[in-house]
Amino acid sequence: MIRADHALSDNPVVLREQVRVNLRKAGLLTLCYSCFGGDLRLTVNEVDFSMVTGGGVQILDFAVEFYTAGRAIASGKNAKIEFAGMADEIYLVLSGAAVTVSCSYADGDAQIPKEEVVVVSREFLREVLADLESRYPDLKKNENVKKMHYWA
């Protein structure tokens, strides 16, 4: 079972770049790499792949990477999730109907059904978008954010 959750930071140091961004017009790269820092809680069958850094994980970037990894798994390919601005990575290796999850920053791995990766990655992107739009209503007018809704 995959459990994925996030907590956005309200630390002014983490938010210093974000406050300068026009959220209505910002491109996807800006939104992913300069905005929405937070912490990620991620467990797969009790193996902890969380990244709790005091706001250093770019949450929207992770959600997009996770969704993209889910799409790769759905099409029969292995996937890697990279964290923006970090050397850390999560690896998803497909083996039949199962996926083995491991990472570069913690010990352990876990196996889960392929379909669970596909479903949870899509749901996580939806949850992050809903959270961000409720906190930052200007995002509802951003064309790039609207496109992400069509993905999920």
N, C-alpha and C. Protein backbone atom coordinates (compact mmCIF):
# COMPACT_ATOMS: atom_id res chain seq x y z
N MET A 1 0.83 -1.18 0.00
CA MET A 1 0.00 0.00 0.00
C MET A 1 0.88 1.25 0.00
N ILE A 2 0.53 2.18 -0.88
CA ILE A 2 1.24 3.45 -0.94
C ILE A 2 0.45 4.50 -0.16
N ARG A 3 1.16 5.21 0.70
CA ARG A 3 0.59 6.37 1.38
C ARG A 3 1.44 7.58 1.02
N ALA A 4 0.81 8.55 0.40
CA ALA A 4 1.51 9.77 0.00
C ALA A 4 0.76 10.97 0.53
N ASP A 5 1.50 11.88 1.16
CA ASP A 5 0.90 13.09 1.70
C ASP A 5 1.96 14.19 1.67
N HIS A 6 1.51 15.40 1.76
CA HIS A 6 2.44 16.54 1.73
C HIS A 6 2.00 17.58 2.75
N ALA A 7 2.95 18.42 3.11
CA ALA A 7 2.69 19.57 3.98
C ALA A 7 3.44 20.75 3.39
N LEU A 8 2.71 21.76 2.97
CA LEU A 8 3.34 22.95 2.42
C LEU A 8 3.93 23.79 3.54
N SER A 9 5.06 24.39 3.25
CA SER A 9 5.74 25.23 4.25
C SER A 9 5.13 26.62 4.28
N ASP A 10 5.11 27.22 5.46
CA ASP A 10 4.74 28.63 5.59
C ASP A 10 5.94 29.45 6.06
N ASN A 11 7.11 28.86 6.00
CA ASN A 11 8.35 29.52 6.39
C ASN A 11 8.70 30.61 5.37
N PRO A 12 8.86 31.85 5.81
CA PRO A 12 9.18 32.95 4.88
C PRO A 12 10.45 32.70 4.07
N VAL A 13 11.42 32.00 4.62
CA VAL A 13 12.65 31.70 3.87
C VAL A 13 12.32 30.78 2.69
N VAL A 14 11.48 29.79 2.92
CA VAL A 14 11.08 28.86 1.86
C VAL A 14 10.23 29.59 0.81
N LEU A 15 9.42 30.53 1.25
CA LEU A 15 8.48 31.22 0.37
C LEU A 15 9.07 32.43 -0.35
N ARG A 16 10.32 32.78 -0.09
CA ARG A 16 10.86 34.05 -0.61
C ARG A 16 10.82 34.15 -2.13
N GLU A 17 11.08 33.07 -2.86
CA GLU A 17 10.99 33.13 -4.32
C GLU A 17 9.54 33.13 -4.78
N GLN A 18 8.73 32.33 -4.12
CA GLN A 18 7.33 32.17 -4.51
C GLN A 18 6.55 33.48 -4.45
N VAL A 19 6.83 34.31 -3.46
CA VAL A 19 6.08 35.56 -3.32
C VAL A 19 6.33 36.52 -4.48
N ARG A 20 7.40 36.32 -5.23
CA ARG A 20 7.71 37.18 -6.38
C ARG A 20 7.11 36.67 -7.68
N VAL A 21 6.48 35.51 -7.64
CA VAL A 21 5.96 34.88 -8.85
C VAL A 21 4.50 35.27 -9.07
N ASN A 22 4.18 35.62 -10.31
CA ASN A 22 2.79 35.87 -10.70
C ASN A 22 2.15 34.50 -10.94
N LEU A 23 1.39 34.02 -9.98
CA LEU A 23 0.84 32.67 -10.06
C LEU A 23 -0.18 32.50 -11.17
N ARG A 24 -0.76 33.59 -11.65
CA ARG A 24 -1.72 33.49 -12.76
C ARG A 24 -1.03 33.20 -14.09
N LYS A 25 0.23 33.63 -14.22
CA LYS A 25 0.91 33.57 -15.52
C LYS A 25 2.16 32.69 -15.53
N ALA A 26 2.59 32.22 -14.41
CA ALA A 26 3.86 31.50 -14.33
C ALA A 26 3.83 30.21 -15.16
N GLY A 27 4.96 29.90 -15.75
CA GLY A 27 5.12 28.66 -16.50
C GLY A 27 5.28 27.47 -15.56
N LEU A 28 5.14 26.30 -16.13
CA LEU A 28 5.23 25.07 -15.33
C LEU A 28 6.59 24.95 -14.64
N LEU A 29 7.67 25.29 -15.33
CA LEU A 29 8.99 25.18 -14.71
C LEU A 29 9.10 26.08 -13.49
N THR A 30 8.62 27.29 -13.60
CA THR A 30 8.67 28.21 -12.47
C THR A 30 7.83 27.69 -11.31
N LEU A 31 6.62 27.22 -11.61
CA LEU A 31 5.75 26.69 -10.56
C LEU A 31 6.37 25.49 -9.87
N CYS A 32 7.01 24.64 -10.66
CA CYS A 32 7.60 23.41 -10.09
C CYS A 32 8.88 23.68 -9.30
N TYR A 33 9.71 24.60 -9.78
CA TYR A 33 11.03 24.76 -9.18
C TYR A 33 11.17 25.94 -8.24
N SER A 34 10.26 26.90 -8.28
CA SER A 34 10.40 28.10 -7.46
C SER A 34 9.28 28.29 -6.46
N CYS A 35 8.31 27.39 -6.47
CA CYS A 35 7.13 27.59 -5.62
C CYS A 35 6.78 26.30 -4.88
N PHE A 36 6.03 26.47 -3.82
CA PHE A 36 5.36 25.38 -3.12
C PHE A 36 6.31 24.38 -2.47
N GLY A 37 7.28 24.90 -1.74
CA GLY A 37 8.16 24.05 -0.96
C GLY A 37 7.42 23.44 0.22
N GLY A 38 7.81 22.26 0.60
CA GLY A 38 7.17 21.59 1.73
C GLY A 38 7.87 20.29 2.06
N ASP A 39 7.16 19.46 2.76
CA ASP A 39 7.68 18.14 3.15
C ASP A 39 6.79 17.07 2.55
N LEU A 40 7.41 15.95 2.24
CA LEU A 40 6.71 14.83 1.63
C LEU A 40 6.73 13.64 2.58
N ARG A 41 5.57 13.05 2.79
CA ARG A 41 5.46 11.79 3.53
C ARG A 41 5.07 10.73 2.52
N LEU A 42 5.92 9.72 2.39
CA LEU A 42 5.69 8.66 1.41
C LEU A 42 6.12 7.33 2.01
N THR A 43 5.17 6.44 2.17
CA THR A 43 5.49 5.09 2.62
C THR A 43 4.90 4.09 1.63
N VAL A 44 5.63 3.02 1.45
CA VAL A 44 5.18 1.93 0.59
C VAL A 44 5.35 0.66 1.40
N ASN A 45 4.22 0.05 1.76
CA ASN A 45 4.25 -1.16 2.59
C ASN A 45 5.15 -1.00 3.81
N GLU A 46 4.98 0.09 4.51
CA GLU A 46 5.71 0.40 5.75
C GLU A 46 7.17 0.77 5.54
N VAL A 47 7.67 0.79 4.31
CA VAL A 47 9.02 1.29 4.04
C VAL A 47 8.90 2.79 3.83
N ASP A 48 9.71 3.56 4.55
CA ASP A 48 9.59 5.02 4.56
C ASP A 48 10.49 5.66 3.49
N PHE A 49 9.87 6.32 2.53
CA PHE A 49 10.57 7.06 1.49
C PHE A 49 10.34 8.57 1.64
N SER A 50 9.95 9.00 2.82
CA SER A 50 9.62 10.40 3.06
C SER A 50 10.83 11.30 2.90
N MET A 51 10.53 12.57 2.58
CA MET A 51 11.55 13.62 2.51
C MET A 51 11.05 14.77 3.37
N VAL A 52 11.54 14.82 4.59
CA VAL A 52 11.15 15.88 5.52
C VAL A 52 12.39 16.74 5.72
N THR A 53 12.36 17.92 5.08
CA THR A 53 13.55 18.76 5.01
C THR A 53 13.31 20.17 5.54
N GLY A 54 12.19 20.39 6.16
CA GLY A 54 11.86 21.74 6.60
C GLY A 54 11.38 22.63 5.46
N GLY A 55 10.81 22.00 4.45
CA GLY A 55 10.24 22.76 3.34
C GLY A 55 11.02 22.70 2.05
N GLY A 56 12.04 21.87 1.98
CA GLY A 56 12.91 21.82 0.81
C GLY A 56 12.44 21.01 -0.37
N VAL A 57 11.34 20.29 -0.23
CA VAL A 57 10.83 19.49 -1.35
C VAL A 57 9.85 20.36 -2.14
N GLN A 58 10.08 20.48 -3.43
CA GLN A 58 9.15 21.21 -4.30
C GLN A 58 7.96 20.28 -4.56
N ILE A 59 6.87 20.52 -3.86
CA ILE A 59 5.74 19.60 -3.83
C ILE A 59 5.07 19.44 -5.19
N LEU A 60 4.84 20.52 -5.91
CA LEU A 60 4.22 20.38 -7.23
C LEU A 60 5.14 19.61 -8.17
N ASP A 61 6.42 19.89 -8.10
CA ASP A 61 7.38 19.15 -8.93
C ASP A 61 7.30 17.66 -8.62
N PHE A 62 7.28 17.30 -7.34
CA PHE A 62 7.19 15.89 -6.99
C PHE A 62 5.90 15.28 -7.53
N ALA A 63 4.79 16.00 -7.39
CA ALA A 63 3.51 15.47 -7.86
C ALA A 63 3.54 15.21 -9.37
N VAL A 64 4.14 16.12 -10.13
CA VAL A 64 4.26 15.93 -11.58
C VAL A 64 5.20 14.76 -11.88
N GLU A 65 6.32 14.69 -11.18
CA GLU A 65 7.27 13.58 -11.39
C GLU A 65 6.62 12.23 -11.05
N PHE A 66 5.89 12.18 -9.95
CA PHE A 66 5.22 10.95 -9.52
C PHE A 66 4.16 10.54 -10.55
N TYR A 67 3.38 11.51 -11.01
CA TYR A 67 2.37 11.23 -12.04
C TYR A 67 3.03 10.70 -13.32
N THR A 68 4.13 11.34 -13.73
CA THR A 68 4.85 10.92 -14.93
C THR A 68 5.39 9.50 -14.75
N ALA A 69 5.89 9.20 -13.57
CA ALA A 69 6.38 7.84 -13.28
C ALA A 69 5.23 6.84 -13.37
N GLY A 70 4.07 7.20 -12.85
CA GLY A 70 2.90 6.33 -12.94
C GLY A 70 2.51 6.05 -14.37
N ARG A 71 2.59 7.07 -15.23
CA ARG A 71 2.28 6.88 -16.66
C ARG A 71 3.31 5.97 -17.30
N ALA A 72 4.58 6.10 -16.94
CA ALA A 72 5.62 5.22 -17.49
C ALA A 72 5.35 3.77 -17.08
N ILE A 73 5.04 3.56 -15.81
CA ILE A 73 4.74 2.22 -15.32
C ILE A 73 3.54 1.65 -16.06
N ALA A 74 2.51 2.45 -16.28
CA ALA A 74 1.31 2.01 -16.99
C ALA A 74 1.64 1.55 -18.41
N SER A 75 2.66 2.17 -19.01
CA SER A 75 3.03 1.80 -20.38
C SER A 75 4.13 0.74 -20.43
N GLY A 76 4.44 0.15 -19.27
CA GLY A 76 5.38 -0.96 -19.24
C GLY A 76 6.84 -0.58 -19.11
N LYS A 77 7.12 0.63 -18.64
CA LYS A 77 8.51 1.10 -18.51
C LYS A 77 8.87 1.32 -17.05
N ASN A 78 10.14 1.18 -16.73
CA ASN A 78 10.65 1.56 -15.41
C ASN A 78 10.61 3.07 -15.30
N ALA A 79 10.70 3.57 -14.08
CA ALA A 79 10.64 5.02 -13.89
C ALA A 79 11.55 5.46 -12.76
N LYS A 80 11.88 6.75 -12.80
CA LYS A 80 12.70 7.37 -11.75
C LYS A 80 12.07 8.70 -11.42
N ILE A 81 11.95 8.99 -10.13
CA ILE A 81 11.43 10.27 -9.67
C ILE A 81 12.62 11.04 -9.10
N GLU A 82 12.87 12.21 -9.67
CA GLU A 82 13.96 13.05 -9.21
C GLU A 82 13.38 14.22 -8.42
N PHE A 83 14.06 14.59 -7.37
CA PHE A 83 13.65 15.73 -6.56
C PHE A 83 14.38 16.97 -7.05
N ALA A 84 13.62 18.03 -7.36
CA ALA A 84 14.20 19.28 -7.86
C ALA A 84 15.25 19.82 -6.90
N GLY A 85 16.43 20.11 -7.43
CA GLY A 85 17.48 20.72 -6.63
C GLY A 85 18.17 19.78 -5.67
N MET A 86 17.90 18.50 -5.77
CA MET A 86 18.51 17.51 -4.88
C MET A 86 19.07 16.36 -5.71
N ALA A 87 19.98 15.62 -5.14
CA ALA A 87 20.53 14.45 -5.81
C ALA A 87 19.71 13.19 -5.52
N ASP A 88 18.68 13.32 -4.71
CA ASP A 88 17.89 12.16 -4.28
C ASP A 88 16.92 11.71 -5.36
N GLU A 89 16.72 10.39 -5.42
CA GLU A 89 15.85 9.81 -6.43
C GLU A 89 15.09 8.62 -5.85
N ILE A 90 13.92 8.39 -6.41
CA ILE A 90 13.13 7.19 -6.11
C ILE A 90 13.07 6.38 -7.40
N TYR A 91 13.27 5.06 -7.28
CA TYR A 91 13.29 4.18 -8.44
C TYR A 91 12.09 3.25 -8.40
N LEU A 92 11.45 3.10 -9.55
CA LEU A 92 10.32 2.19 -9.69
C LEU A 92 10.68 1.21 -10.81
N VAL A 93 10.85 -0.06 -10.43
CA VAL A 93 11.26 -1.08 -11.39
C VAL A 93 10.12 -2.07 -11.57
N LEU A 94 9.68 -2.17 -12.80
CA LEU A 94 8.55 -3.01 -13.15
C LEU A 94 9.00 -4.46 -13.32
N SER A 95 8.23 -5.37 -12.75
CA SER A 95 8.49 -6.80 -12.89
C SER A 95 7.14 -7.50 -12.99
N GLY A 96 6.68 -7.68 -14.22
CA GLY A 96 5.36 -8.27 -14.43
C GLY A 96 4.28 -7.31 -13.96
N ALA A 97 3.44 -7.78 -13.04
CA ALA A 97 2.34 -6.95 -12.52
C ALA A 97 2.73 -6.23 -11.23
N ALA A 98 4.00 -6.33 -10.84
CA ALA A 98 4.48 -5.70 -9.60
C ALA A 98 5.53 -4.64 -9.92
N VAL A 99 5.69 -3.72 -8.97
CA VAL A 99 6.70 -2.67 -9.06
C VAL A 99 7.52 -2.71 -7.78
N THR A 100 8.83 -2.73 -7.92
CA THR A 100 9.71 -2.62 -6.76
C THR A 100 10.12 -1.16 -6.63
N VAL A 101 9.90 -0.61 -5.43
CA VAL A 101 10.23 0.79 -5.14
C VAL A 101 11.44 0.82 -4.23
N SER A 102 12.43 1.63 -4.60
CA SER A 102 13.60 1.85 -3.76
C SER A 102 14.03 3.30 -3.97
N CYS A 103 15.05 3.73 -3.24
CA CYS A 103 15.50 5.11 -3.40
C CYS A 103 16.99 5.22 -3.11
N SER A 104 17.53 6.40 -3.42
CA SER A 104 18.96 6.65 -3.23
C SER A 104 19.29 7.18 -1.84
N TYR A 105 18.29 7.49 -1.02
CA TYR A 105 18.55 8.19 0.24
C TYR A 105 18.12 7.43 1.49
N ALA A 106 17.61 6.21 1.33
CA ALA A 106 17.20 5.42 2.49
C ALA A 106 17.34 3.94 2.16
N ASP A 107 17.44 3.14 3.19
CA ASP A 107 17.55 1.69 2.99
C ASP A 107 16.17 1.09 2.80
N GLY A 108 16.15 -0.04 2.14
CA GLY A 108 14.92 -0.80 1.99
C GLY A 108 14.27 -0.62 0.64
N ASP A 109 13.43 -1.58 0.31
CA ASP A 109 12.61 -1.50 -0.87
C ASP A 109 11.28 -2.18 -0.57
N ALA A 110 10.32 -1.96 -1.46
CA ALA A 110 8.99 -2.52 -1.26
C ALA A 110 8.40 -2.86 -2.61
N GLN A 111 7.56 -3.87 -2.62
CA GLN A 111 6.85 -4.25 -3.84
C GLN A 111 5.38 -3.95 -3.70
N ILE A 112 4.82 -3.43 -4.79
CA ILE A 112 3.40 -3.12 -4.83
C ILE A 112 2.86 -3.45 -6.22
N PRO A 113 1.55 -3.62 -6.34
CA PRO A 113 0.96 -3.85 -7.66
C PRO A 113 1.16 -2.65 -8.58
N LYS A 114 1.42 -2.94 -9.83
CA LYS A 114 1.61 -1.91 -10.85
C LYS A 114 0.44 -0.93 -10.86
N GLU A 115 -0.77 -1.44 -10.81
CA GLU A 115 -1.96 -0.60 -10.90
C GLU A 115 -2.04 0.40 -9.74
N GLU A 116 -1.53 0.02 -8.58
CA GLU A 116 -1.57 0.93 -7.43
C GLU A 116 -0.70 2.16 -7.68
N VAL A 117 0.45 1.97 -8.29
CA VAL A 117 1.32 3.10 -8.62
C VAL A 117 0.60 4.06 -9.56
N VAL A 118 -0.05 3.51 -10.56
CA VAL A 118 -0.75 4.33 -11.55
C VAL A 118 -1.87 5.14 -10.88
N VAL A 119 -2.68 4.49 -10.07
CA VAL A 119 -3.82 5.15 -9.43
C VAL A 119 -3.36 6.18 -8.39
N VAL A 120 -2.45 5.79 -7.51
CA VAL A 120 -2.02 6.70 -6.43
C VAL A 120 -1.27 7.91 -6.98
N SER A 121 -0.48 7.72 -8.02
CA SER A 121 0.25 8.87 -8.58
C SER A 121 -0.72 9.89 -9.17
N ARG A 122 -1.77 9.43 -9.81
CA ARG A 122 -2.79 10.33 -10.37
C ARG A 122 -3.55 11.03 -9.24
N GLU A 123 -3.93 10.28 -8.22
CA GLU A 123 -4.66 10.86 -7.09
C GLU A 123 -3.82 11.89 -6.35
N PHE A 124 -2.53 11.62 -6.20
CA PHE A 124 -1.65 12.57 -5.50
C PHE A 124 -1.58 13.88 -6.26
N LEU A 125 -1.44 13.82 -7.59
CA LEU A 125 -1.41 15.05 -8.38
C LEU A 125 -2.71 15.82 -8.19
N ARG A 126 -3.84 15.13 -8.23
CA ARG A 126 -5.13 15.79 -8.02
C ARG A 126 -5.21 16.46 -6.65
N GLU A 127 -4.75 15.76 -5.62
CA GLU A 127 -4.78 16.30 -4.26
C GLU A 127 -3.90 17.53 -4.12
N VAL A 128 -2.71 17.48 -4.69
CA VAL A 128 -1.80 18.62 -4.62
C VAL A 128 -2.40 19.82 -5.35
N LEU A 129 -2.94 19.60 -6.54
CA LEU A 129 -3.55 20.70 -7.29
C LEU A 129 -4.71 21.31 -6.50
N ALA A 130 -5.55 20.48 -5.92
CA ALA A 130 -6.69 20.99 -5.13
C ALA A 130 -6.19 21.81 -3.94
N ASP A 131 -5.18 21.30 -3.25
CA ASP A 131 -4.63 22.02 -2.10
C ASP A 131 -4.04 23.37 -2.52
N LEU A 132 -3.25 23.35 -3.58
CA LEU A 132 -2.62 24.59 -4.03
C LEU A 132 -3.65 25.61 -4.49
N GLU A 133 -4.67 25.17 -5.21
CA GLU A 133 -5.69 26.11 -5.69
C GLU A 133 -6.54 26.66 -4.54
N SER A 134 -6.72 25.87 -3.50
CA SER A 134 -7.48 26.41 -2.36
C SER A 134 -6.65 27.44 -1.59
N ARG A 135 -5.35 27.25 -1.52
CA ARG A 135 -4.48 28.20 -0.82
C ARG A 135 -4.13 29.42 -1.68
N TYR A 136 -4.03 29.18 -2.98
CA TYR A 136 -3.60 30.22 -3.91
C TYR A 136 -4.61 30.28 -5.07
N PRO A 137 -5.73 30.96 -4.89
CA PRO A 137 -6.80 30.98 -5.90
C PRO A 137 -6.36 31.47 -7.29
N ASP A 138 -5.31 32.29 -7.36
CA ASP A 138 -4.82 32.74 -8.67
C ASP A 138 -4.41 31.58 -9.56
N LEU A 139 -4.04 30.46 -8.97
CA LEU A 139 -3.63 29.30 -9.77
C LEU A 139 -4.77 28.77 -10.64
N LYS A 140 -6.00 29.00 -10.23
CA LYS A 140 -7.15 28.53 -11.01
C LYS A 140 -7.21 29.19 -12.38
N LYS A 141 -6.55 30.34 -12.52
CA LYS A 141 -6.54 31.06 -13.79
C LYS A 141 -5.28 30.81 -14.60
N ASN A 142 -4.39 30.00 -14.08
CA ASN A 142 -3.13 29.70 -14.76
C ASN A 142 -3.37 28.59 -15.80
N GLU A 143 -3.05 28.88 -17.06
CA GLU A 143 -3.28 27.92 -18.15
C GLU A 143 -2.49 26.63 -17.96
N ASN A 144 -1.30 26.72 -17.40
CA ASN A 144 -0.49 25.52 -17.17
C ASN A 144 -1.10 24.62 -16.11
N VAL A 145 -1.68 25.21 -15.09
CA VAL A 145 -2.35 24.43 -14.05
C VAL A 145 -3.61 23.79 -14.62
N LYS A 146 -4.33 24.52 -15.46
CA LYS A 146 -5.52 23.95 -16.10
C LYS A 146 -5.15 22.71 -16.91
N LYS A 147 -4.03 22.75 -17.62
CA LYS A 147 -3.57 21.59 -18.40
C LYS A 147 -3.27 20.40 -17.50
N MET A 148 -2.71 20.66 -16.33
CA MET A 148 -2.41 19.56 -15.41
C MET A 148 -3.67 18.84 -14.97
N HIS A 149 -4.77 19.55 -14.86
CA HIS A 149 -6.04 18.91 -14.51
C HIS A 149 -6.46 17.91 -15.58
N TYR A 150 -6.16 18.21 -16.84
CA TYR A 150 -6.50 17.28 -17.91
C TYR A 150 -5.64 16.02 -17.85
N TRP A 151 -4.40 16.14 -17.37
CA TRP A 151 -3.54 14.96 -17.24
C TRP A 151 -4.15 13.98 -16.27
N ALA A 152 -4.58 14.54 -15.13
CA ALA A 152 -5.06 13.67 -14.05
C ALA A 152 -6.54 13.41 -14.20
